[in-house]
mmCIF file of all heavy atoms, coordinates in Angstrom:
data_MODEL
# 
_entry.id   MODEL 
# 
loop_
_atom_site.group_PDB 
_atom_site.id 
_atom_site.type_symbol 
_atom_site.label_atom_id 
_atom_site.label_alt_id 
_atom_site.label_comp_id 
_atom_site.label_asym_id 
_atom_site.label_entity_id 
_atom_site.label_seq_id 
_atom_site.pdbx_PDB_ins_code 
_atom_site.Cartn_x 
_atom_site.Cartn_y 
_atom_site.Cartn_z 
_atom_site.occupancy 
_atom_site.B_iso_or_equiv 
_atom_site.pdbx_formal_charge 
_atom_site.auth_seq_id 
_atom_site.auth_comp_id 
_atom_site.auth_asym_id 
_atom_site.auth_atom_id 
_atom_site.pdbx_PDB_model_num 
ATOM 1   N N   . ILE A 1 1  ? 28.599 -41.841 8.001  1.00 0.00 ? 1  ILE A N   1 
ATOM 2   C CA  . ILE A 1 1  ? 27.324 -41.121 7.935  1.00 0.00 ? 1  ILE A CA  1 
ATOM 3   C C   . ILE A 1 1  ? 26.175 -42.117 7.935  1.00 0.00 ? 1  ILE A C   1 
ATOM 4   O O   . ILE A 1 1  ? 25.156 -41.921 8.629  1.00 0.00 ? 1  ILE A O   1 
ATOM 5   C CB  . ILE A 1 1  ? 27.269 -40.195 6.709  1.00 0.00 ? 1  ILE A CB  1 
ATOM 6   C CG1 . ILE A 1 1  ? 28.262 -39.047 6.858  1.00 0.00 ? 1  ILE A CG1 1 
ATOM 7   C CG2 . ILE A 1 1  ? 25.857 -39.650 6.483  1.00 0.00 ? 1  ILE A CG2 1 
ATOM 8   C CD1 . ILE A 1 1  ? 28.403 -38.182 5.625  1.00 0.00 ? 1  ILE A CD1 1 
ATOM 9   N N   . ALA A 1 2  ? 26.310 -43.204 7.190  1.00 0.00 ? 2  ALA A N   1 
ATOM 10  C CA  . ALA A 1 2  ? 25.272 -44.230 7.176  1.00 0.00 ? 2  ALA A CA  1 
ATOM 11  C C   . ALA A 1 2  ? 25.070 -44.825 8.579  1.00 0.00 ? 2  ALA A C   1 
ATOM 12  O O   . ALA A 1 2  ? 23.965 -45.112 9.001  1.00 0.00 ? 2  ALA A O   1 
ATOM 13  C CB  . ALA A 1 2  ? 25.634 -45.339 6.190  1.00 0.00 ? 2  ALA A CB  1 
ATOM 14  N N   . MET A 1 3  ? 26.175 -44.990 9.302  1.00 0.00 ? 3  MET A N   1 
ATOM 15  C CA  . MET A 1 3  ? 26.120 -45.582 10.635 1.00 0.00 ? 3  MET A CA  1 
ATOM 16  C C   . MET A 1 3  ? 25.498 -44.652 11.656 1.00 0.00 ? 3  MET A C   1 
ATOM 17  O O   . MET A 1 3  ? 24.553 -45.018 12.371 1.00 0.00 ? 3  MET A O   1 
ATOM 18  C CB  . MET A 1 3  ? 27.527 -45.981 11.104 1.00 0.00 ? 3  MET A CB  1 
ATOM 19  C CG  . MET A 1 3  ? 27.600 -46.535 12.526 1.00 0.00 ? 3  MET A CG  1 
ATOM 20  S SD  . MET A 1 3  ? 29.300 -46.674 13.141 1.00 0.00 ? 3  MET A SD  1 
ATOM 21  C CE  . MET A 1 3  ? 29.969 -47.890 12.029 1.00 0.00 ? 3  MET A CE  1 
ATOM 22  N N   . ARG A 1 4  ? 26.025 -43.432 11.750 1.00 0.00 ? 4  ARG A N   1 
ATOM 23  C CA  . ARG A 1 4  ? 25.670 -42.555 12.871 1.00 0.00 ? 4  ARG A CA  1 
ATOM 24  C C   . ARG A 1 4  ? 24.578 -41.533 12.543 1.00 0.00 ? 4  ARG A C   1 
ATOM 25  O O   . ARG A 1 4  ? 23.886 -41.098 13.447 1.00 0.00 ? 4  ARG A O   1 
ATOM 26  C CB  . ARG A 1 4  ? 26.916 -41.843 13.378 1.00 0.00 ? 4  ARG A CB  1 
ATOM 27  C CG  . ARG A 1 4  ? 27.972 -42.816 13.923 1.00 0.00 ? 4  ARG A CG  1 
ATOM 28  C CD  . ARG A 1 4  ? 29.026 -42.113 14.728 1.00 0.00 ? 4  ARG A CD  1 
ATOM 29  N NE  . ARG A 1 4  ? 28.446 -41.330 15.799 1.00 0.00 ? 4  ARG A NE  1 
ATOM 30  C CZ  . ARG A 1 4  ? 29.053 -40.286 16.382 1.00 0.00 ? 4  ARG A CZ  1 
ATOM 31  N NH1 . ARG A 1 4  ? 30.264 -39.931 15.972 1.00 0.00 ? 4  ARG A NH1 1 
ATOM 32  N NH2 . ARG A 1 4  ? 28.463 -39.635 17.350 1.00 0.00 ? 4  ARG A NH2 1 
ATOM 33  N N   . ALA A 1 5  ? 24.413 -41.177 11.289 1.00 0.00 ? 5  ALA A N   1 
ATOM 34  C CA  . ALA A 1 5  ? 23.389 -40.210 10.920 1.00 0.00 ? 5  ALA A CA  1 
ATOM 35  C C   . ALA A 1 5  ? 22.117 -40.882 10.411 1.00 0.00 ? 5  ALA A C   1 
ATOM 36  O O   . ALA A 1 5  ? 21.008 -40.463 10.753 1.00 0.00 ? 5  ALA A O   1 
ATOM 37  C CB  . ALA A 1 5  ? 23.919 -39.244 9.858  1.00 0.00 ? 5  ALA A CB  1 
ATOM 38  N N   . LEU A 1 6  ? 22.277 -41.916 9.594  1.00 0.00 ? 6  LEU A N   1 
ATOM 39  C CA  . LEU A 1 6  ? 21.116 -42.589 8.994  1.00 0.00 ? 6  LEU A CA  1 
ATOM 40  C C   . LEU A 1 6  ? 20.650 -43.783 9.824  1.00 0.00 ? 6  LEU A C   1 
ATOM 41  O O   . LEU A 1 6  ? 19.521 -44.243 9.670  1.00 0.00 ? 6  LEU A O   1 
ATOM 42  C CB  . LEU A 1 6  ? 21.427 -43.033 7.568  1.00 0.00 ? 6  LEU A CB  1 
ATOM 43  C CG  . LEU A 1 6  ? 21.960 -41.947 6.632  1.00 0.00 ? 6  LEU A CG  1 
ATOM 44  C CD1 . LEU A 1 6  ? 22.142 -42.512 5.233  1.00 0.00 ? 6  LEU A CD1 1 
ATOM 45  C CD2 . LEU A 1 6  ? 21.052 -40.728 6.621  1.00 0.00 ? 6  LEU A CD2 1 
ATOM 46  N N   . GLY A 1 7  ? 21.524 -44.318 10.672 1.00 0.00 ? 7  GLY A N   1 
ATOM 47  C CA  . GLY A 1 7  ? 21.117 -45.397 11.569 1.00 0.00 ? 7  GLY A CA  1 
ATOM 48  C C   . GLY A 1 7  ? 21.161 -46.786 10.966 1.00 0.00 ? 7  GLY A C   1 
ATOM 49  O O   . GLY A 1 7  ? 20.503 -47.693 11.500 1.00 0.00 ? 7  GLY A O   1 
ATOM 50  N N   . ASP A 1 8  ? 21.926 -46.999 9.901  1.00 0.00 ? 8  ASP A N   1 
ATOM 51  C CA  . ASP A 1 8  ? 22.025 -48.338 9.325  1.00 0.00 ? 8  ASP A CA  1 
ATOM 52  C C   . ASP A 1 8  ? 22.823 -49.231 10.283 1.00 0.00 ? 8  ASP A C   1 
ATOM 53  O O   . ASP A 1 8  ? 24.010 -48.993 10.506 1.00 0.00 ? 8  ASP A O   1 
ATOM 54  C CB  . ASP A 1 8  ? 22.726 -48.268 7.964  1.00 0.00 ? 8  ASP A CB  1 
ATOM 55  C CG  . ASP A 1 8  ? 22.792 -49.627 7.273  1.00 0.00 ? 8  ASP A CG  1 
ATOM 56  O OD1 . ASP A 1 8  ? 22.428 -50.649 7.880  1.00 0.00 ? 8  ASP A OD1 1 
ATOM 57  O OD2 . ASP A 1 8  ? 23.217 -49.669 6.095  1.00 0.00 ? 8  ASP A OD2 1 
ATOM 58  N N   . PRO A 1 9  ? 22.218 -50.286 10.850 1.00 0.00 ? 9  PRO A N   1 
ATOM 59  C CA  . PRO A 1 9  ? 22.923 -51.117 11.813 1.00 0.00 ? 9  PRO A CA  1 
ATOM 60  C C   . PRO A 1 9  ? 23.996 -51.999 11.177 1.00 0.00 ? 9  PRO A C   1 
ATOM 61  O O   . PRO A 1 9  ? 24.781 -52.603 11.898 1.00 0.00 ? 9  PRO A O   1 
ATOM 62  C CB  . PRO A 1 9  ? 21.805 -51.980 12.407 1.00 0.00 ? 9  PRO A CB  1 
ATOM 63  C CG  . PRO A 1 9  ? 20.792 -52.073 11.320 1.00 0.00 ? 9  PRO A CG  1 
ATOM 64  C CD  . PRO A 1 9  ? 20.834 -50.744 10.626 1.00 0.00 ? 9  PRO A CD  1 
ATOM 65  N N   . ASP A 1 10 ? 24.035 -52.031 9.855  1.00 0.00 ? 10 ASP A N   1 
ATOM 66  C CA  . ASP A 1 10 ? 25.007 -52.873 9.171  1.00 0.00 ? 10 ASP A CA  1 
ATOM 67  C C   . ASP A 1 10 ? 26.112 -52.068 8.493  1.00 0.00 ? 10 ASP A C   1 
ATOM 68  O O   . ASP A 1 10 ? 26.920 -52.606 7.754  1.00 0.00 ? 10 ASP A O   1 
ATOM 69  C CB  . ASP A 1 10 ? 24.299 -53.740 8.121  1.00 0.00 ? 10 ASP A CB  1 
ATOM 70  C CG  . ASP A 1 10 ? 25.095 -54.995 7.773  1.00 0.00 ? 10 ASP A CG  1 
ATOM 71  O OD1 . ASP A 1 10 ? 25.725 -55.582 8.670  1.00 0.00 ? 10 ASP A OD1 1 
ATOM 72  O OD2 . ASP A 1 10 ? 25.119 -55.365 6.580  1.00 0.00 ? 10 ASP A OD2 1 
ATOM 73  N N   . ALA A 1 11 ? 26.155 -50.762 8.745  1.00 0.00 ? 11 ALA A N   1 
ATOM 74  C CA  . ALA A 1 11 ? 27.243 -49.933 8.194  1.00 0.00 ? 11 ALA A CA  1 
ATOM 75  C C   . ALA A 1 11 ? 28.573 -50.443 8.734  1.00 0.00 ? 11 ALA A C   1 
ATOM 76  O O   . ALA A 1 11 ? 28.685 -50.852 9.894  1.00 0.00 ? 11 ALA A O   1 
ATOM 77  C CB  . ALA A 1 11 ? 27.036 -48.485 8.563  1.00 0.00 ? 11 ALA A CB  1 
ATOM 78  N N   . PHE A 1 12 ? 29.602 -50.385 7.913  1.00 0.00 ? 12 PHE A N   1 
ATOM 79  C CA  . PHE A 1 12 ? 30.872 -51.005 8.281  1.00 0.00 ? 12 PHE A CA  1 
ATOM 80  C C   . PHE A 1 12 ? 32.022 -50.136 7.812  1.00 0.00 ? 12 PHE A C   1 
ATOM 81  O O   . PHE A 1 12 ? 31.962 -49.503 6.740  1.00 0.00 ? 12 PHE A O   1 
ATOM 82  C CB  . PHE A 1 12 ? 30.994 -52.399 7.686  1.00 0.00 ? 12 PHE A CB  1 
ATOM 83  C CG  . PHE A 1 12 ? 32.101 -53.218 8.237  1.00 0.00 ? 12 PHE A CG  1 
ATOM 84  C CD1 . PHE A 1 12 ? 32.299 -53.319 9.603  1.00 0.00 ? 12 PHE A CD1 1 
ATOM 85  C CD2 . PHE A 1 12 ? 32.962 -53.919 7.383  1.00 0.00 ? 12 PHE A CD2 1 
ATOM 86  C CE1 . PHE A 1 12 ? 33.331 -54.086 10.125 1.00 0.00 ? 12 PHE A CE1 1 
ATOM 87  C CE2 . PHE A 1 12 ? 33.990 -54.674 7.905  1.00 0.00 ? 12 PHE A CE2 1 
ATOM 88  C CZ  . PHE A 1 12 ? 34.195 -54.771 9.274  1.00 0.00 ? 12 PHE A CZ  1 
ATOM 89  N N   . LEU A 1 13 ? 33.103 -50.067 8.626  1.00 0.00 ? 13 LEU A N   1 
ATOM 90  C CA  . LEU A 1 13 ? 34.251 -49.188 8.347  1.00 0.00 ? 13 LEU A CA  1 
ATOM 91  C C   . LEU A 1 13 ? 35.532 -50.027 8.300  1.00 0.00 ? 13 LEU A C   1 
ATOM 92  O O   . LEU A 1 13 ? 36.427 -49.883 9.154  1.00 0.00 ? 13 LEU A O   1 
ATOM 93  C CB  . LEU A 1 13 ? 34.385 -48.137 9.430  1.00 0.00 ? 13 LEU A CB  1 
ATOM 94  C CG  . LEU A 1 13 ? 33.145 -47.279 9.727  1.00 0.00 ? 13 LEU A CG  1 
ATOM 95  C CD1 . LEU A 1 13 ? 33.376 -46.413 10.956 1.00 0.00 ? 13 LEU A CD1 1 
ATOM 96  C CD2 . LEU A 1 13 ? 32.826 -46.397 8.535  1.00 0.00 ? 13 LEU A CD2 1 
ATOM 97  N N   . PRO A 1 14 ? 35.719 -50.874 7.308  1.00 0.00 ? 14 PRO A N   1 
ATOM 98  C CA  . PRO A 1 14 ? 36.899 -51.745 7.276  1.00 0.00 ? 14 PRO A CA  1 
ATOM 99  C C   . PRO A 1 14 ? 38.209 -51.011 7.068  1.00 0.00 ? 14 PRO A C   1 
ATOM 100 O O   . PRO A 1 14 ? 39.276 -51.533 7.395  1.00 0.00 ? 14 PRO A O   1 
ATOM 101 C CB  . PRO A 1 14 ? 36.617 -52.697 6.105  1.00 0.00 ? 14 PRO A CB  1 
ATOM 102 C CG  . PRO A 1 14 ? 35.713 -51.917 5.200  1.00 0.00 ? 14 PRO A CG  1 
ATOM 103 C CD  . PRO A 1 14 ? 34.850 -51.096 6.120  1.00 0.00 ? 14 PRO A CD  1 
ATOM 104 N N   . SER A 1 15 ? 38.132 -49.766 6.537  1.00 0.00 ? 15 SER A N   1 
ATOM 105 C CA  . SER A 1 15 ? 39.362 -49.010 6.313  1.00 0.00 ? 15 SER A CA  1 
ATOM 106 C C   . SER A 1 15 ? 39.734 -48.087 7.500  1.00 0.00 ? 15 SER A C   1 
ATOM 107 O O   . SER A 1 15 ? 40.782 -47.464 7.486  1.00 0.00 ? 15 SER A O   1 
ATOM 108 C CB  . SER A 1 15 ? 39.224 -48.156 5.050  1.00 0.00 ? 15 SER A CB  1 
ATOM 109 O OG  . SER A 1 15 ? 38.178 -47.191 5.178  1.00 0.00 ? 15 SER A OG  1 
ATOM 110 N N   . ASP A 1 16 ? 38.868 -48.032 8.501  1.00 0.00 ? 16 ASP A N   1 
ATOM 111 C CA  . ASP A 1 16 ? 39.131 -47.184 9.658  1.00 0.00 ? 16 ASP A CA  1 
ATOM 112 C C   . ASP A 1 16 ? 40.375 -47.670 10.406 1.00 0.00 ? 16 ASP A C   1 
ATOM 113 O O   . ASP A 1 16 ? 40.524 -48.883 10.663 1.00 0.00 ? 16 ASP A O   1 
ATOM 114 C CB  . ASP A 1 16 ? 37.909 -47.202 10.584 1.00 0.00 ? 16 ASP A CB  1 
ATOM 115 C CG  . ASP A 1 16 ? 38.096 -46.353 11.828 1.00 0.00 ? 16 ASP A CG  1 
ATOM 116 O OD1 . ASP A 1 16 ? 37.889 -45.134 11.735 1.00 0.00 ? 16 ASP A OD1 1 
ATOM 117 O OD2 . ASP A 1 16 ? 38.478 -46.916 12.874 1.00 0.00 ? 16 ASP A OD2 1 
ATOM 118 N N   . LEU A 1 17 ? 41.242 -46.740 10.758 1.00 0.00 ? 17 LEU A N   1 
ATOM 119 C CA  . LEU A 1 17 ? 42.499 -47.124 11.403 1.00 0.00 ? 17 LEU A CA  1 
ATOM 120 C C   . LEU A 1 17 ? 42.259 -47.874 12.723 1.00 0.00 ? 17 LEU A C   1 
ATOM 121 O O   . LEU A 1 17 ? 42.912 -48.872 12.999 1.00 0.00 ? 17 LEU A O   1 
ATOM 122 C CB  . LEU A 1 17 ? 43.353 -45.871 11.652 1.00 0.00 ? 17 LEU A CB  1 
ATOM 123 C CG  . LEU A 1 17 ? 44.719 -46.104 12.315 1.00 0.00 ? 17 LEU A CG  1 
ATOM 124 C CD1 . LEU A 1 17 ? 45.588 -47.024 11.471 1.00 0.00 ? 17 LEU A CD1 1 
ATOM 125 C CD2 . LEU A 1 17 ? 45.417 -44.772 12.555 1.00 0.00 ? 17 LEU A CD2 1 
ATOM 126 N N   . GLY A 1 18 ? 41.318 -47.356 13.530 1.00 0.00 ? 18 GLY A N   1 
ATOM 127 C CA  . GLY A 1 18 ? 41.032 -48.016 14.797 1.00 0.00 ? 18 GLY A CA  1 
ATOM 128 C C   . GLY A 1 18 ? 40.478 -49.414 14.619 1.00 0.00 ? 18 GLY A C   1 
ATOM 129 O O   . GLY A 1 18 ? 40.826 -50.340 15.362 1.00 0.00 ? 18 GLY A O   1 
ATOM 130 N N   . VAL A 1 19 ? 39.628 -49.601 13.631 1.00 0.00 ? 19 VAL A N   1 
ATOM 131 C CA  . VAL A 1 19 ? 39.062 -50.936 13.347 1.00 0.00 ? 19 VAL A CA  1 
ATOM 132 C C   . VAL A 1 19 ? 40.139 -51.881 12.886 1.00 0.00 ? 19 VAL A C   1 
ATOM 133 O O   . VAL A 1 19 ? 40.228 -53.031 13.322 1.00 0.00 ? 19 VAL A O   1 
ATOM 134 C CB  . VAL A 1 19 ? 37.939 -50.803 12.288 1.00 0.00 ? 19 VAL A CB  1 
ATOM 135 C CG1 . VAL A 1 19 ? 37.519 -52.194 11.788 1.00 0.00 ? 19 VAL A CG1 1 
ATOM 136 C CG2 . VAL A 1 19 ? 36.734 -50.066 12.858 1.00 0.00 ? 19 VAL A CG2 1 
ATOM 137 N N   . ARG A 1 20 ? 41.013 -51.412 11.979 1.00 0.00 ? 20 ARG A N   1 
ATOM 138 C CA  . ARG A 1 20 ? 42.083 -52.267 11.467 1.00 0.00 ? 20 ARG A CA  1 
ATOM 139 C C   . ARG A 1 20 ? 43.062 -52.648 12.559 1.00 0.00 ? 20 ARG A C   1 
ATOM 140 O O   . ARG A 1 20 ? 43.528 -53.800 12.637 1.00 0.00 ? 20 ARG A O   1 
ATOM 141 C CB  . ARG A 1 20 ? 42.800 -51.568 10.309 1.00 0.00 ? 20 ARG A CB  1 
ATOM 142 C CG  . ARG A 1 20 ? 41.924 -51.333 9.081  1.00 0.00 ? 20 ARG A CG  1 
ATOM 143 C CD  . ARG A 1 20 ? 42.646 -50.600 8.001  1.00 0.00 ? 20 ARG A CD  1 
ATOM 144 N NE  . ARG A 1 20 ? 43.787 -51.369 7.503  1.00 0.00 ? 20 ARG A NE  1 
ATOM 145 C CZ  . ARG A 1 20 ? 44.681 -50.900 6.638  1.00 0.00 ? 20 ARG A CZ  1 
ATOM 146 N NH1 . ARG A 1 20 ? 44.584 -49.645 6.206  1.00 0.00 ? 20 ARG A NH1 1 
ATOM 147 N NH2 . ARG A 1 20 ? 45.676 -51.646 6.225  1.00 0.00 ? 20 ARG A NH2 1 
ATOM 148 N N   . ARG A 1 21 ? 43.400 -51.688 13.421 1.00 0.00 ? 21 ARG A N   1 
ATOM 149 C CA  . ARG A 1 21 ? 44.318 -51.963 14.512 1.00 0.00 ? 21 ARG A CA  1 
ATOM 150 C C   . ARG A 1 21 ? 43.718 -53.004 15.482 1.00 0.00 ? 21 ARG A C   1 
ATOM 151 O O   . ARG A 1 21 ? 44.400 -53.921 15.927 1.00 0.00 ? 21 ARG A O   1 
ATOM 152 C CB  . ARG A 1 21 ? 44.637 -50.659 15.249 1.00 0.00 ? 21 ARG A CB  1 
ATOM 153 C CG  . ARG A 1 21 ? 45.692 -50.806 16.349 1.00 0.00 ? 21 ARG A CG  1 
ATOM 154 C CD  . ARG A 1 21 ? 45.852 -49.485 17.102 1.00 0.00 ? 21 ARG A CD  1 
ATOM 155 N NE  . ARG A 1 21 ? 46.290 -48.439 16.173 1.00 0.00 ? 21 ARG A NE  1 
ATOM 156 C CZ  . ARG A 1 21 ? 45.967 -47.177 16.302 1.00 0.00 ? 21 ARG A CZ  1 
ATOM 157 N NH1 . ARG A 1 21 ? 45.146 -46.773 17.255 1.00 0.00 ? 21 ARG A NH1 1 
ATOM 158 N NH2 . ARG A 1 21 ? 46.458 -46.286 15.448 1.00 0.00 ? 21 ARG A NH2 1 
ATOM 159 N N   . ALA A 1 22 ? 42.440 -52.833 15.802 1.00 0.00 ? 22 ALA A N   1 
ATOM 160 C CA  . ALA A 1 22 ? 41.782 -53.783 16.696 1.00 0.00 ? 22 ALA A CA  1 
ATOM 161 C C   . ALA A 1 22 ? 41.711 -55.161 16.066 1.00 0.00 ? 22 ALA A C   1 
ATOM 162 O O   . ALA A 1 22 ? 41.910 -56.188 16.745 1.00 0.00 ? 22 ALA A O   1 
ATOM 163 C CB  . ALA A 1 22 ? 40.381 -53.283 17.044 1.00 0.00 ? 22 ALA A CB  1 
ATOM 164 N N   . ALA A 1 23 ? 41.386 -55.209 14.767 1.00 0.00 ? 23 ALA A N   1 
ATOM 165 C CA  . ALA A 1 23 ? 41.293 -56.488 14.069 1.00 0.00 ? 23 ALA A CA  1 
ATOM 166 C C   . ALA A 1 23 ? 42.624 -57.226 14.113 1.00 0.00 ? 23 ALA A C   1 
ATOM 167 O O   . ALA A 1 23 ? 42.670 -58.429 14.382 1.00 0.00 ? 23 ALA A O   1 
ATOM 168 C CB  . ALA A 1 23 ? 40.841 -56.265 12.636 1.00 0.00 ? 23 ALA A CB  1 
ATOM 169 N N   . ALA A 1 24 ? 43.696 -56.518 13.862 1.00 0.00 ? 24 ALA A N   1 
ATOM 170 C CA  . ALA A 1 24 ? 45.023 -57.130 13.889 1.00 0.00 ? 24 ALA A CA  1 
ATOM 171 C C   . ALA A 1 24 ? 45.335 -57.670 15.281 1.00 0.00 ? 24 ALA A C   1 
ATOM 172 O O   . ALA A 1 24 ? 45.901 -58.772 15.429 1.00 0.00 ? 24 ALA A O   1 
ATOM 173 C CB  . ALA A 1 24 ? 46.085 -56.148 13.426 1.00 0.00 ? 24 ALA A CB  1 
# 
């Protein structure tokens, strides 16, 4: 919500499955 609704450019989703898969 901070990322896409409020527009915080530094919002981060380290627990997101897609992010974790890409990081690995």
